[in-house]
């Protein structure tokens, strides 16, 4: 699990094609020093496992499956691209954002960027599958960054990026048309499942009562 609070922006050092997948090498000074092989790192919102560390060059490597390349924006990364990085949540980690699993649900597309004072208001197109779990003032992870939904439309939503977030993440570099990884609030999914199960049990109970002429 992660919190959506980015600790470092890394740079893509190399992408090696391996069978149907790839090996992703990222330059990261902070995480190279503090991580070890087997650790989980959130890369642009995608949970990946460190498979190799080169402390002399400050490079951490990850193996990426074919499915992950197809269902996230990682397959479109190029050498020199910037990526958001966050190590896994620990019991001592402040929960400054919201709970992020690192399991991307879909790819969004930046529809509009509006500068409001020092802030950036970004409108992102998203699928119905993602928007069903979104509410105004609710949380969403955009390329791994925990953000608050400002407006909600039929096929998009807006978020506001403050100067600090723009500076400390890749979101300040985004342009209209860019794609981003999206993950809705996991708590909303648990609530939906609980409610559906409760309604199903209630429905079965009512059918049973009718069967025995209780009403």
N, C-alpha and C. Protein backbone atom coordinates (compact mmCIF):
# COMPACT_ATOMS: atom_id res chain seq x y z
N UNK A 1 0.84 -1.20 0.00
CA UNK A 1 0.00 0.00 0.00
C UNK A 1 0.87 1.25 0.00
N UNK A 2 0.28 2.33 -0.51
CA UNK A 2 0.99 3.61 -0.60
C UNK A 2 0.06 4.73 -0.13
N UNK A 3 0.58 5.95 -0.09
CA UNK A 3 -0.23 7.07 0.41
C UNK A 3 -0.52 8.13 -0.66
N UNK A 4 0.15 8.04 -1.80
CA UNK A 4 -0.05 9.04 -2.84
C UNK A 4 0.76 10.31 -2.62
N UNK A 5 1.72 10.25 -1.68
CA UNK A 5 2.62 11.38 -1.43
C UNK A 5 3.97 11.04 -2.05
N UNK A 6 4.32 11.71 -3.12
CA UNK A 6 5.53 11.40 -3.88
C UNK A 6 6.77 11.85 -3.11
N UNK A 7 7.77 10.98 -3.01
CA UNK A 7 9.00 11.32 -2.29
C UNK A 7 10.12 11.76 -3.23
N UNK A 8 10.00 11.40 -4.50
CA UNK A 8 11.06 11.75 -5.45
C UNK A 8 10.55 11.61 -6.88
N UNK A 9 11.05 12.47 -7.76
CA UNK A 9 10.80 12.31 -9.19
C UNK A 9 12.06 11.69 -9.80
N UNK A 10 11.92 10.47 -10.32
CA UNK A 10 13.05 9.79 -10.93
C UNK A 10 13.10 10.01 -12.43
N UNK A 11 14.19 9.57 -13.05
CA UNK A 11 14.36 9.69 -14.50
C UNK A 11 14.56 8.30 -15.10
N UNK A 12 13.89 8.05 -16.23
CA UNK A 12 14.07 6.77 -16.92
C UNK A 12 15.49 6.71 -17.49
N UNK A 13 16.26 5.72 -17.03
CA UNK A 13 17.64 5.55 -17.51
C UNK A 13 17.68 4.64 -18.73
N UNK A 14 16.85 3.59 -18.68
CA UNK A 14 16.85 2.63 -19.80
C UNK A 14 15.61 1.75 -19.72
N UNK A 15 15.12 1.34 -20.87
CA UNK A 15 14.02 0.38 -20.95
C UNK A 15 14.46 -0.77 -21.85
N UNK A 16 14.55 -1.97 -21.27
CA UNK A 16 14.98 -3.15 -22.02
C UNK A 16 13.79 -4.05 -22.27
N UNK A 17 13.57 -4.43 -23.52
CA UNK A 17 12.51 -5.37 -23.85
C UNK A 17 12.95 -6.78 -23.45
N UNK A 18 12.11 -7.45 -22.67
CA UNK A 18 12.40 -8.82 -22.24
C UNK A 18 11.18 -9.68 -22.54
N UNK A 19 11.30 -10.56 -23.53
CA UNK A 19 10.18 -11.40 -23.97
C UNK A 19 8.98 -10.50 -24.25
N UNK A 20 7.84 -10.75 -23.58
CA UNK A 20 6.65 -9.93 -23.78
C UNK A 20 6.62 -8.73 -22.84
N UNK A 21 7.53 -8.70 -21.87
CA UNK A 21 7.56 -7.62 -20.90
C UNK A 21 8.74 -6.69 -21.11
N UNK A 22 9.20 -6.09 -20.01
CA UNK A 22 10.32 -5.16 -20.10
C UNK A 22 11.00 -5.01 -18.75
N UNK A 23 12.26 -4.58 -18.78
CA UNK A 23 12.96 -4.20 -17.56
C UNK A 23 13.14 -2.69 -17.59
N UNK A 24 12.66 -2.05 -16.54
CA UNK A 24 12.68 -0.60 -16.44
C UNK A 24 13.76 -0.18 -15.45
N UNK A 25 14.70 0.66 -15.91
CA UNK A 25 15.78 1.15 -15.06
C UNK A 25 15.58 2.65 -14.82
N UNK A 26 15.54 3.02 -13.53
CA UNK A 26 15.23 4.39 -13.15
C UNK A 26 16.34 4.98 -12.29
N UNK A 27 16.77 6.20 -12.63
CA UNK A 27 17.73 6.91 -11.80
C UNK A 27 16.99 7.53 -10.63
N UNK A 28 17.40 7.15 -9.41
CA UNK A 28 16.72 7.63 -8.21
C UNK A 28 17.71 7.65 -7.05
N UNK A 29 18.15 8.82 -6.68
CA UNK A 29 19.15 8.94 -5.62
C UNK A 29 18.59 8.55 -4.25
N UNK A 30 17.41 9.08 -3.90
CA UNK A 30 16.83 8.81 -2.58
C UNK A 30 16.50 7.33 -2.39
N UNK A 31 15.76 6.75 -3.33
CA UNK A 31 15.30 5.38 -3.15
C UNK A 31 16.42 4.36 -3.31
N UNK A 32 17.45 4.69 -4.08
CA UNK A 32 18.59 3.79 -4.20
C UNK A 32 19.27 3.63 -2.85
N UNK A 33 19.34 4.72 -2.10
CA UNK A 33 20.00 4.69 -0.80
C UNK A 33 19.18 3.96 0.26
N UNK A 34 17.85 4.09 0.18
CA UNK A 34 16.99 3.56 1.26
C UNK A 34 16.32 2.23 0.95
N UNK A 35 16.41 1.75 -0.29
CA UNK A 35 15.66 0.54 -0.68
C UNK A 35 16.56 -0.67 -0.82
N UNK A 36 15.92 -1.84 -0.91
CA UNK A 36 16.63 -3.08 -1.17
C UNK A 36 15.83 -3.94 -2.13
N UNK A 37 16.50 -4.93 -2.70
CA UNK A 37 15.83 -5.82 -3.66
C UNK A 37 14.62 -6.48 -3.00
N UNK A 38 13.50 -6.49 -3.70
CA UNK A 38 12.26 -7.06 -3.17
C UNK A 38 11.28 -6.03 -2.65
N UNK A 39 11.75 -4.80 -2.46
CA UNK A 39 10.86 -3.73 -1.98
C UNK A 39 9.85 -3.34 -3.06
N UNK A 40 8.68 -2.93 -2.62
CA UNK A 40 7.65 -2.43 -3.54
C UNK A 40 7.77 -0.92 -3.67
N UNK A 41 7.74 -0.44 -4.90
CA UNK A 41 7.80 0.99 -5.18
C UNK A 41 6.65 1.35 -6.12
N UNK A 42 6.00 2.47 -5.85
CA UNK A 42 4.94 2.95 -6.73
C UNK A 42 5.56 3.85 -7.78
N UNK A 43 5.48 3.43 -9.04
CA UNK A 43 6.07 4.18 -10.16
C UNK A 43 4.93 4.72 -11.03
N UNK A 44 4.72 6.03 -10.98
CA UNK A 44 3.59 6.64 -11.71
C UNK A 44 2.27 5.94 -11.40
N UNK A 45 2.11 5.55 -10.14
CA UNK A 45 0.87 4.93 -9.71
C UNK A 45 0.81 3.42 -9.83
N UNK A 46 1.88 2.80 -10.35
CA UNK A 46 1.91 1.35 -10.56
C UNK A 46 2.84 0.70 -9.53
N UNK A 47 2.34 -0.28 -8.80
CA UNK A 47 3.15 -1.00 -7.82
C UNK A 47 4.10 -1.96 -8.53
N UNK A 48 5.41 -1.75 -8.36
CA UNK A 48 6.43 -2.59 -8.96
C UNK A 48 7.40 -3.07 -7.89
N UNK A 49 8.08 -4.18 -8.17
CA UNK A 49 9.04 -4.76 -7.23
C UNK A 49 10.47 -4.56 -7.73
N UNK A 50 11.32 -4.06 -6.84
CA UNK A 50 12.73 -3.85 -7.22
C UNK A 50 13.40 -5.20 -7.44
N UNK A 51 14.02 -5.38 -8.61
CA UNK A 51 14.71 -6.63 -8.91
C UNK A 51 16.22 -6.46 -8.95
N UNK A 52 16.67 -5.20 -8.98
CA UNK A 52 18.12 -4.94 -9.05
C UNK A 52 18.39 -3.51 -8.59
N UNK A 53 19.51 -3.32 -7.89
CA UNK A 53 19.92 -1.99 -7.43
C UNK A 53 21.39 -1.79 -7.75
N UNK A 54 21.69 -0.68 -8.40
CA UNK A 54 23.08 -0.30 -8.67
C UNK A 54 23.36 0.97 -7.87
N UNK A 55 23.94 0.81 -6.68
CA UNK A 55 24.15 1.94 -5.79
C UNK A 55 25.25 2.88 -6.30
N UNK A 56 26.14 2.39 -7.13
CA UNK A 56 27.20 3.25 -7.66
C UNK A 56 26.65 4.24 -8.69
N UNK A 57 25.60 3.83 -9.40
CA UNK A 57 25.00 4.70 -10.43
C UNK A 57 23.64 5.25 -10.02
N UNK A 58 23.20 4.89 -8.79
CA UNK A 58 21.88 5.33 -8.30
C UNK A 58 20.74 4.91 -9.22
N UNK A 59 20.78 3.63 -9.61
CA UNK A 59 19.75 3.10 -10.53
C UNK A 59 19.04 1.92 -9.89
N UNK A 60 17.71 1.95 -9.91
CA UNK A 60 16.90 0.82 -9.45
C UNK A 60 16.17 0.25 -10.66
N UNK A 61 16.04 -1.09 -10.68
CA UNK A 61 15.45 -1.76 -11.84
C UNK A 61 14.20 -2.55 -11.44
N UNK A 62 13.26 -2.62 -12.38
CA UNK A 62 12.00 -3.33 -12.17
C UNK A 62 11.67 -4.15 -13.41
N UNK A 63 11.13 -5.35 -13.21
CA UNK A 63 10.60 -6.13 -14.32
C UNK A 63 9.11 -5.84 -14.44
N UNK A 64 8.66 -5.58 -15.67
CA UNK A 64 7.26 -5.23 -15.91
C UNK A 64 6.62 -6.27 -16.82
N UNK A 65 5.46 -6.77 -16.43
CA UNK A 65 4.77 -7.79 -17.22
C UNK A 65 4.12 -7.18 -18.46
N UNK A 66 3.77 -8.05 -19.40
CA UNK A 66 3.09 -7.62 -20.62
C UNK A 66 1.76 -6.94 -20.30
N UNK A 67 1.03 -7.51 -19.34
CA UNK A 67 -0.28 -6.95 -18.97
C UNK A 67 -0.15 -5.54 -18.41
N UNK A 68 0.86 -5.33 -17.56
CA UNK A 68 1.08 -4.00 -16.99
C UNK A 68 1.45 -2.99 -18.07
N UNK A 69 2.24 -3.41 -19.03
CA UNK A 69 2.62 -2.52 -20.14
C UNK A 69 1.39 -2.13 -20.96
N UNK A 70 0.45 -3.07 -21.09
CA UNK A 70 -0.74 -2.82 -21.90
C UNK A 70 -1.78 -1.97 -21.18
N UNK A 71 -1.89 -2.13 -19.86
CA UNK A 71 -2.98 -1.51 -19.12
C UNK A 71 -2.60 -0.23 -18.38
N UNK A 72 -1.33 0.17 -18.48
CA UNK A 72 -0.88 1.41 -17.85
C UNK A 72 -0.09 2.23 -18.86
N UNK A 73 0.36 3.39 -18.44
CA UNK A 73 1.16 4.24 -19.34
C UNK A 73 2.64 3.87 -19.32
N UNK A 74 3.03 2.89 -18.52
CA UNK A 74 4.45 2.53 -18.43
C UNK A 74 5.01 2.06 -19.77
N UNK A 75 4.15 1.48 -20.60
CA UNK A 75 4.59 1.00 -21.90
C UNK A 75 4.94 2.11 -22.87
N UNK A 76 4.58 3.35 -22.53
CA UNK A 76 4.84 4.49 -23.41
C UNK A 76 6.02 5.34 -22.93
N UNK A 77 6.66 4.93 -21.82
CA UNK A 77 7.78 5.70 -21.30
C UNK A 77 8.99 5.61 -22.21
N UNK A 78 9.78 6.69 -22.21
CA UNK A 78 11.01 6.75 -23.00
C UNK A 78 12.17 7.18 -22.11
N UNK A 79 13.37 6.93 -22.57
CA UNK A 79 14.57 7.34 -21.84
C UNK A 79 14.53 8.84 -21.60
N UNK A 80 14.79 9.23 -20.34
CA UNK A 80 14.78 10.64 -19.98
C UNK A 80 13.47 11.14 -19.41
N UNK A 81 12.40 10.34 -19.54
CA UNK A 81 11.11 10.74 -18.98
C UNK A 81 11.17 10.77 -17.45
N UNK A 82 10.40 11.67 -16.86
CA UNK A 82 10.31 11.76 -15.40
C UNK A 82 9.16 10.89 -14.90
N UNK A 83 9.36 10.28 -13.73
CA UNK A 83 8.32 9.43 -13.13
C UNK A 83 8.20 9.71 -11.64
N UNK A 84 6.97 9.61 -11.13
CA UNK A 84 6.72 9.78 -9.70
C UNK A 84 7.08 8.50 -8.96
N UNK A 85 7.77 8.65 -7.84
CA UNK A 85 8.21 7.49 -7.06
C UNK A 85 7.77 7.62 -5.61
N UNK A 86 7.30 6.50 -5.06
CA UNK A 86 6.94 6.45 -3.64
C UNK A 86 7.20 5.05 -3.10
N UNK A 87 7.92 4.93 -1.98
CA UNK A 87 8.11 3.61 -1.36
C UNK A 87 6.83 3.16 -0.67
N UNK A 88 6.76 1.88 -0.33
CA UNK A 88 5.56 1.33 0.29
C UNK A 88 5.33 1.92 1.68
N UNK A 89 4.07 1.98 2.05
CA UNK A 89 3.64 2.47 3.35
C UNK A 89 4.14 1.55 4.46
N UNK A 90 4.61 2.14 5.57
CA UNK A 90 4.98 1.38 6.76
C UNK A 90 4.12 1.84 7.92
N UNK A 91 4.25 1.17 9.07
CA UNK A 91 3.46 1.56 10.24
C UNK A 91 3.90 2.92 10.78
N UNK A 92 5.07 3.38 10.36
CA UNK A 92 5.57 4.68 10.81
C UNK A 92 5.35 5.79 9.79
N UNK A 93 4.74 5.45 8.65
CA UNK A 93 4.55 6.44 7.58
C UNK A 93 3.32 7.31 7.85
N UNK A 94 3.46 8.63 7.84
CA UNK A 94 2.28 9.51 7.98
C UNK A 94 1.35 9.31 6.78
N UNK A 95 0.05 9.19 7.04
CA UNK A 95 -0.91 9.01 5.95
C UNK A 95 -1.36 10.39 5.48
N UNK A 96 -0.46 11.06 4.74
CA UNK A 96 -0.74 12.42 4.31
C UNK A 96 -1.70 12.52 3.15
N UNK A 97 -1.83 11.43 2.37
CA UNK A 97 -2.74 11.43 1.23
C UNK A 97 -3.94 10.55 1.50
N UNK A 98 -4.06 9.43 0.75
CA UNK A 98 -5.08 8.43 1.01
C UNK A 98 -4.52 7.07 0.63
N UNK A 99 -5.19 6.01 0.99
CA UNK A 99 -4.69 4.66 0.71
C UNK A 99 -4.71 4.38 -0.79
N UNK A 100 -3.53 4.08 -1.33
CA UNK A 100 -3.37 3.78 -2.75
C UNK A 100 -2.77 2.38 -2.87
N UNK A 101 -3.41 1.51 -3.65
CA UNK A 101 -2.94 0.12 -3.77
C UNK A 101 -1.83 -0.04 -4.80
N UNK A 102 -1.79 0.86 -5.78
CA UNK A 102 -0.81 0.71 -6.85
C UNK A 102 -1.31 -0.18 -7.97
N UNK A 103 -2.61 -0.51 -7.93
CA UNK A 103 -3.23 -1.32 -8.99
C UNK A 103 -4.06 -0.39 -9.88
N UNK A 104 -3.46 0.06 -10.95
CA UNK A 104 -4.10 1.03 -11.84
C UNK A 104 -5.35 0.44 -12.47
N UNK A 105 -6.44 1.22 -12.46
CA UNK A 105 -7.72 0.75 -13.01
C UNK A 105 -7.95 1.16 -14.45
N UNK A 106 -7.25 2.19 -14.86
CA UNK A 106 -7.45 2.67 -16.22
C UNK A 106 -6.55 3.84 -16.54
N UNK A 107 -6.57 4.22 -17.79
CA UNK A 107 -5.76 5.35 -18.26
C UNK A 107 -6.67 6.52 -18.58
N UNK A 108 -6.36 7.67 -18.01
CA UNK A 108 -7.11 8.88 -18.30
C UNK A 108 -6.35 9.75 -19.28
N UNK A 109 -7.02 10.75 -19.81
CA UNK A 109 -6.41 11.66 -20.77
C UNK A 109 -6.70 13.10 -20.37
N UNK A 110 -5.64 13.91 -20.32
CA UNK A 110 -5.81 15.31 -19.92
C UNK A 110 -6.55 16.08 -21.01
N UNK A 111 -7.70 16.61 -20.62
CA UNK A 111 -8.59 17.30 -21.56
C UNK A 111 -8.36 18.81 -21.57
N UNK A 112 -8.03 19.35 -20.40
CA UNK A 112 -7.89 20.80 -20.29
C UNK A 112 -6.99 21.14 -19.11
N UNK A 113 -6.16 22.17 -19.26
CA UNK A 113 -5.34 22.70 -18.17
C UNK A 113 -5.57 24.20 -18.09
N UNK A 114 -6.03 24.64 -16.93
CA UNK A 114 -6.34 26.06 -16.74
C UNK A 114 -5.53 26.61 -15.57
N UNK A 115 -4.84 27.70 -15.78
CA UNK A 115 -4.06 28.32 -14.71
C UNK A 115 -4.95 29.27 -13.93
N UNK A 116 -5.07 29.03 -12.63
CA UNK A 116 -5.89 29.87 -11.76
C UNK A 116 -4.98 30.40 -10.66
N UNK A 117 -4.54 31.64 -10.80
CA UNK A 117 -3.56 32.18 -9.86
C UNK A 117 -2.26 31.42 -10.01
N UNK A 118 -1.78 30.86 -8.90
CA UNK A 118 -0.56 30.04 -8.94
C UNK A 118 -0.87 28.55 -9.12
N UNK A 119 -2.15 28.20 -9.13
CA UNK A 119 -2.56 26.80 -9.21
C UNK A 119 -2.87 26.39 -10.65
N UNK A 120 -2.93 25.08 -10.85
CA UNK A 120 -3.33 24.52 -12.14
C UNK A 120 -4.59 23.69 -11.94
N UNK A 121 -5.63 23.99 -12.70
CA UNK A 121 -6.85 23.18 -12.67
C UNK A 121 -6.82 22.28 -13.89
N UNK A 122 -6.82 20.98 -13.65
CA UNK A 122 -6.68 20.00 -14.73
C UNK A 122 -7.95 19.16 -14.85
N UNK A 123 -8.49 19.10 -16.07
CA UNK A 123 -9.64 18.23 -16.34
C UNK A 123 -9.14 16.97 -17.03
N UNK A 124 -9.57 15.81 -16.51
CA UNK A 124 -9.09 14.52 -17.00
C UNK A 124 -10.26 13.65 -17.44
N UNK A 125 -10.21 13.18 -18.67
CA UNK A 125 -11.22 12.23 -19.15
C UNK A 125 -10.97 10.87 -18.50
N UNK A 126 -12.05 10.20 -18.12
CA UNK A 126 -11.93 8.90 -17.47
C UNK A 126 -13.10 8.01 -17.86
N UNK A 127 -12.91 6.71 -17.69
CA UNK A 127 -13.95 5.74 -18.04
C UNK A 127 -15.05 5.72 -16.98
N UNK A 128 -16.19 5.18 -17.36
CA UNK A 128 -17.32 5.05 -16.43
C UNK A 128 -16.95 4.16 -15.25
N UNK A 129 -16.11 3.15 -15.51
CA UNK A 129 -15.69 2.22 -14.46
C UNK A 129 -14.97 2.95 -13.33
N UNK A 130 -14.20 3.98 -13.67
CA UNK A 130 -13.48 4.75 -12.66
C UNK A 130 -14.39 5.81 -12.04
N UNK A 131 -15.15 6.50 -12.86
CA UNK A 131 -15.99 7.60 -12.38
C UNK A 131 -17.08 7.14 -11.43
N UNK A 132 -17.50 5.89 -11.51
CA UNK A 132 -18.56 5.39 -10.62
C UNK A 132 -18.12 5.42 -9.15
N UNK A 133 -16.81 5.41 -8.91
CA UNK A 133 -16.29 5.45 -7.54
C UNK A 133 -15.80 6.83 -7.14
N UNK A 134 -16.08 7.83 -7.97
CA UNK A 134 -15.62 9.19 -7.70
C UNK A 134 -16.75 10.06 -7.15
N UNK A 135 -16.42 10.90 -6.19
CA UNK A 135 -17.36 11.89 -5.66
C UNK A 135 -16.62 13.21 -5.50
N UNK A 136 -17.37 14.31 -5.50
CA UNK A 136 -16.75 15.60 -5.25
C UNK A 136 -16.12 15.60 -3.85
N UNK A 137 -14.93 16.13 -3.76
CA UNK A 137 -14.13 16.18 -2.53
C UNK A 137 -13.59 14.81 -2.14
N UNK A 138 -13.82 13.81 -2.99
CA UNK A 138 -13.25 12.49 -2.74
C UNK A 138 -11.82 12.43 -3.26
N UNK A 139 -11.16 11.30 -3.02
CA UNK A 139 -9.76 11.14 -3.40
C UNK A 139 -9.60 10.29 -4.66
N UNK A 140 -8.56 10.59 -5.42
CA UNK A 140 -8.19 9.80 -6.59
C UNK A 140 -6.68 9.91 -6.77
N UNK A 141 -6.06 8.83 -7.25
CA UNK A 141 -4.62 8.84 -7.53
C UNK A 141 -4.41 9.05 -9.02
N UNK A 142 -3.66 10.10 -9.36
CA UNK A 142 -3.33 10.42 -10.75
C UNK A 142 -1.83 10.28 -10.91
N UNK A 143 -1.39 9.28 -11.67
CA UNK A 143 0.03 8.95 -11.79
C UNK A 143 0.66 8.79 -10.41
N UNK A 144 -0.12 8.21 -9.49
CA UNK A 144 0.38 7.93 -8.15
C UNK A 144 0.26 9.06 -7.16
N UNK A 145 -0.23 10.22 -7.61
CA UNK A 145 -0.35 11.39 -6.73
C UNK A 145 -1.75 11.46 -6.14
N UNK A 146 -1.84 11.53 -4.82
CA UNK A 146 -3.13 11.65 -4.15
C UNK A 146 -3.70 13.05 -4.36
N UNK A 147 -4.89 13.12 -4.98
CA UNK A 147 -5.51 14.41 -5.27
C UNK A 147 -6.98 14.39 -4.86
N UNK A 148 -7.53 15.58 -4.68
CA UNK A 148 -8.93 15.73 -4.32
C UNK A 148 -9.73 16.14 -5.56
N UNK A 149 -10.83 15.43 -5.80
CA UNK A 149 -11.70 15.74 -6.94
C UNK A 149 -12.47 17.03 -6.65
N UNK A 150 -12.39 17.98 -7.58
CA UNK A 150 -13.08 19.27 -7.42
C UNK A 150 -14.44 19.23 -8.10
N UNK A 151 -14.45 18.91 -9.39
CA UNK A 151 -15.70 18.82 -10.16
C UNK A 151 -15.81 17.43 -10.77
N UNK A 152 -17.05 17.00 -10.98
CA UNK A 152 -17.31 15.68 -11.54
C UNK A 152 -18.32 15.81 -12.67
N UNK A 153 -17.96 15.31 -13.86
CA UNK A 153 -18.83 15.38 -15.03
C UNK A 153 -19.15 13.97 -15.53
N UNK A 154 -19.89 13.87 -16.62
CA UNK A 154 -20.32 12.56 -17.13
C UNK A 154 -19.16 11.70 -17.61
N UNK A 155 -18.10 12.32 -18.13
CA UNK A 155 -16.97 11.53 -18.63
C UNK A 155 -15.62 12.10 -18.23
N UNK A 156 -15.62 12.96 -17.19
CA UNK A 156 -14.36 13.55 -16.76
C UNK A 156 -14.48 14.09 -15.33
N UNK A 157 -13.35 14.51 -14.79
CA UNK A 157 -13.32 15.14 -13.47
C UNK A 157 -12.19 16.17 -13.46
N UNK A 158 -12.21 17.06 -12.48
CA UNK A 158 -11.15 18.06 -12.38
C UNK A 158 -10.44 17.95 -11.03
N UNK A 159 -9.18 18.32 -11.02
CA UNK A 159 -8.38 18.40 -9.81
C UNK A 159 -7.59 19.71 -9.87
N UNK A 160 -7.18 20.19 -8.72
CA UNK A 160 -6.37 21.41 -8.67
C UNK A 160 -4.99 21.07 -8.13
N UNK A 161 -3.97 21.50 -8.85
CA UNK A 161 -2.58 21.24 -8.48
C UNK A 161 -1.98 22.50 -7.89
N UNK A 162 -1.59 22.46 -6.63
CA UNK A 162 -0.94 23.62 -6.01
C UNK A 162 0.52 23.67 -6.45
N UNK A 163 1.20 24.82 -6.31
CA UNK A 163 2.58 24.94 -6.77
C UNK A 163 3.53 23.88 -6.21
N UNK A 164 3.37 23.52 -4.93
CA UNK A 164 4.25 22.51 -4.33
C UNK A 164 4.11 21.17 -5.04
N UNK A 165 2.86 20.76 -5.30
CA UNK A 165 2.63 19.49 -5.99
C UNK A 165 3.15 19.53 -7.41
N UNK A 166 2.98 20.66 -8.08
CA UNK A 166 3.48 20.81 -9.46
C UNK A 166 5.00 20.69 -9.49
N UNK A 167 5.66 21.21 -8.46
CA UNK A 167 7.12 21.19 -8.40
C UNK A 167 7.67 19.83 -8.00
N UNK A 168 6.99 19.15 -7.09
CA UNK A 168 7.51 17.91 -6.50
C UNK A 168 7.04 16.64 -7.21
N UNK A 169 6.20 16.77 -8.23
CA UNK A 169 5.72 15.62 -9.00
C UNK A 169 5.82 15.93 -10.49
N UNK A 170 5.42 14.97 -11.30
CA UNK A 170 5.45 15.17 -12.76
C UNK A 170 4.22 15.93 -13.26
N UNK A 171 3.25 16.16 -12.39
CA UNK A 171 2.00 16.78 -12.84
C UNK A 171 2.19 18.20 -13.35
N UNK A 172 3.22 18.88 -12.86
CA UNK A 172 3.50 20.22 -13.34
C UNK A 172 4.06 20.25 -14.75
N UNK A 173 4.45 19.06 -15.27
CA UNK A 173 5.01 18.96 -16.62
C UNK A 173 3.98 18.54 -17.66
N UNK A 174 2.77 18.22 -17.20
CA UNK A 174 1.77 17.65 -18.11
C UNK A 174 1.23 18.66 -19.11
N UNK A 175 0.82 18.13 -20.26
CA UNK A 175 0.22 18.94 -21.32
C UNK A 175 -1.13 18.33 -21.72
N UNK A 176 -1.96 19.12 -22.38
CA UNK A 176 -3.24 18.61 -22.88
C UNK A 176 -2.97 17.46 -23.85
N UNK A 177 -3.69 16.36 -23.67
CA UNK A 177 -3.51 15.18 -24.50
C UNK A 177 -2.66 14.11 -23.86
N UNK A 178 -1.91 14.47 -22.81
CA UNK A 178 -1.08 13.48 -22.12
C UNK A 178 -1.96 12.45 -21.41
N UNK A 179 -1.46 11.23 -21.32
CA UNK A 179 -2.18 10.15 -20.63
C UNK A 179 -1.65 9.99 -19.21
N UNK A 180 -2.54 9.59 -18.30
CA UNK A 180 -2.17 9.41 -16.90
C UNK A 180 -2.81 8.14 -16.35
N UNK A 181 -2.12 7.50 -15.41
CA UNK A 181 -2.66 6.33 -14.73
C UNK A 181 -3.64 6.77 -13.65
N UNK A 182 -4.77 6.08 -13.56
CA UNK A 182 -5.80 6.44 -12.59
C UNK A 182 -6.14 5.27 -11.67
N UNK A 183 -6.33 5.59 -10.40
CA UNK A 183 -6.83 4.61 -9.43
C UNK A 183 -7.80 5.32 -8.49
N UNK A 184 -9.04 4.85 -8.47
CA UNK A 184 -10.05 5.46 -7.60
C UNK A 184 -9.86 4.99 -6.17
N UNK A 185 -10.60 5.59 -5.27
CA UNK A 185 -10.48 5.31 -3.84
C UNK A 185 -10.91 3.87 -3.54
N UNK A 186 -10.00 3.08 -2.98
CA UNK A 186 -10.27 1.66 -2.72
C UNK A 186 -11.38 1.49 -1.68
N UNK A 187 -11.52 2.44 -0.77
CA UNK A 187 -12.56 2.34 0.26
C UNK A 187 -13.95 2.34 -0.36
N UNK A 188 -14.13 3.10 -1.44
CA UNK A 188 -15.43 3.15 -2.12
C UNK A 188 -15.82 1.78 -2.66
N UNK A 189 -14.82 1.01 -3.11
CA UNK A 189 -15.11 -0.33 -3.65
C UNK A 189 -15.53 -1.29 -2.55
N UNK A 190 -14.89 -1.19 -1.39
CA UNK A 190 -15.27 -2.04 -0.27
C UNK A 190 -16.68 -1.70 0.21
N UNK A 191 -17.00 -0.42 0.24
CA UNK A 191 -18.34 0.01 0.65
C UNK A 191 -19.39 -0.53 -0.32
N UNK A 192 -19.11 -0.43 -1.62
CA UNK A 192 -20.04 -0.93 -2.64
C UNK A 192 -20.28 -2.43 -2.47
N UNK A 193 -19.20 -3.18 -2.25
CA UNK A 193 -19.33 -4.63 -2.10
C UNK A 193 -20.14 -4.98 -0.86
N UNK A 194 -19.87 -4.28 0.25
CA UNK A 194 -20.59 -4.53 1.49
C UNK A 194 -22.08 -4.25 1.33
N UNK A 195 -22.40 -3.12 0.70
CA UNK A 195 -23.80 -2.74 0.50
C UNK A 195 -24.51 -3.74 -0.40
N UNK A 196 -23.85 -4.14 -1.49
CA UNK A 196 -24.46 -5.10 -2.42
C UNK A 196 -24.72 -6.44 -1.75
N UNK A 197 -23.76 -6.89 -0.91
CA UNK A 197 -23.95 -8.15 -0.20
C UNK A 197 -25.10 -8.05 0.80
N UNK A 198 -25.19 -6.91 1.48
CA UNK A 198 -26.27 -6.70 2.45
C UNK A 198 -27.63 -6.69 1.76
N UNK A 199 -27.71 -6.01 0.62
CA UNK A 199 -28.97 -5.95 -0.13
C UNK A 199 -29.36 -7.32 -0.66
N UNK A 200 -28.36 -8.10 -1.07
CA UNK A 200 -28.62 -9.44 -1.59
C UNK A 200 -29.17 -10.34 -0.49
N UNK A 201 -28.59 -10.24 0.72
CA UNK A 201 -29.06 -11.04 1.85
C UNK A 201 -30.48 -10.65 2.23
N UNK A 202 -30.74 -9.33 2.21
CA UNK A 202 -32.08 -8.84 2.55
C UNK A 202 -33.10 -9.33 1.52
N UNK A 203 -32.72 -9.33 0.25
CA UNK A 203 -33.62 -9.77 -0.81
C UNK A 203 -33.94 -11.25 -0.66
N UNK A 204 -32.93 -12.04 -0.32
CA UNK A 204 -33.16 -13.48 -0.14
C UNK A 204 -34.06 -13.75 1.06
N UNK A 205 -33.90 -12.95 2.12
CA UNK A 205 -34.73 -13.10 3.31
C UNK A 205 -36.19 -12.77 2.98
N UNK A 206 -36.41 -11.70 2.22
CA UNK A 206 -37.77 -11.31 1.84
C UNK A 206 -38.44 -12.39 0.99
N UNK A 207 -37.66 -12.97 0.07
CA UNK A 207 -38.23 -14.04 -0.76
C UNK A 207 -38.62 -15.25 0.08
N UNK A 208 -37.82 -15.54 1.09
CA UNK A 208 -38.10 -16.68 1.97
C UNK A 208 -39.36 -16.42 2.79
N UNK A 209 -39.49 -15.21 3.29
CA UNK A 209 -40.67 -14.86 4.09
C UNK A 209 -41.94 -14.93 3.25
N UNK A 210 -41.85 -14.47 2.00
CA UNK A 210 -43.00 -14.54 1.10
C UNK A 210 -43.35 -15.99 0.79
N UNK A 211 -42.32 -16.83 0.66
CA UNK A 211 -42.54 -18.24 0.33
C UNK A 211 -43.37 -18.93 1.41
N UNK A 212 -43.15 -18.53 2.68
CA UNK A 212 -43.87 -19.17 3.78
C UNK A 212 -45.04 -18.30 4.27
N UNK A 213 -45.49 -17.38 3.40
CA UNK A 213 -46.68 -16.56 3.66
C UNK A 213 -46.63 -15.76 4.96
N UNK A 214 -45.45 -15.23 5.28
CA UNK A 214 -45.36 -14.37 6.45
C UNK A 214 -45.92 -12.99 6.15
N UNK A 215 -45.99 -12.62 4.88
CA UNK A 215 -46.63 -11.35 4.49
C UNK A 215 -47.02 -11.43 3.03
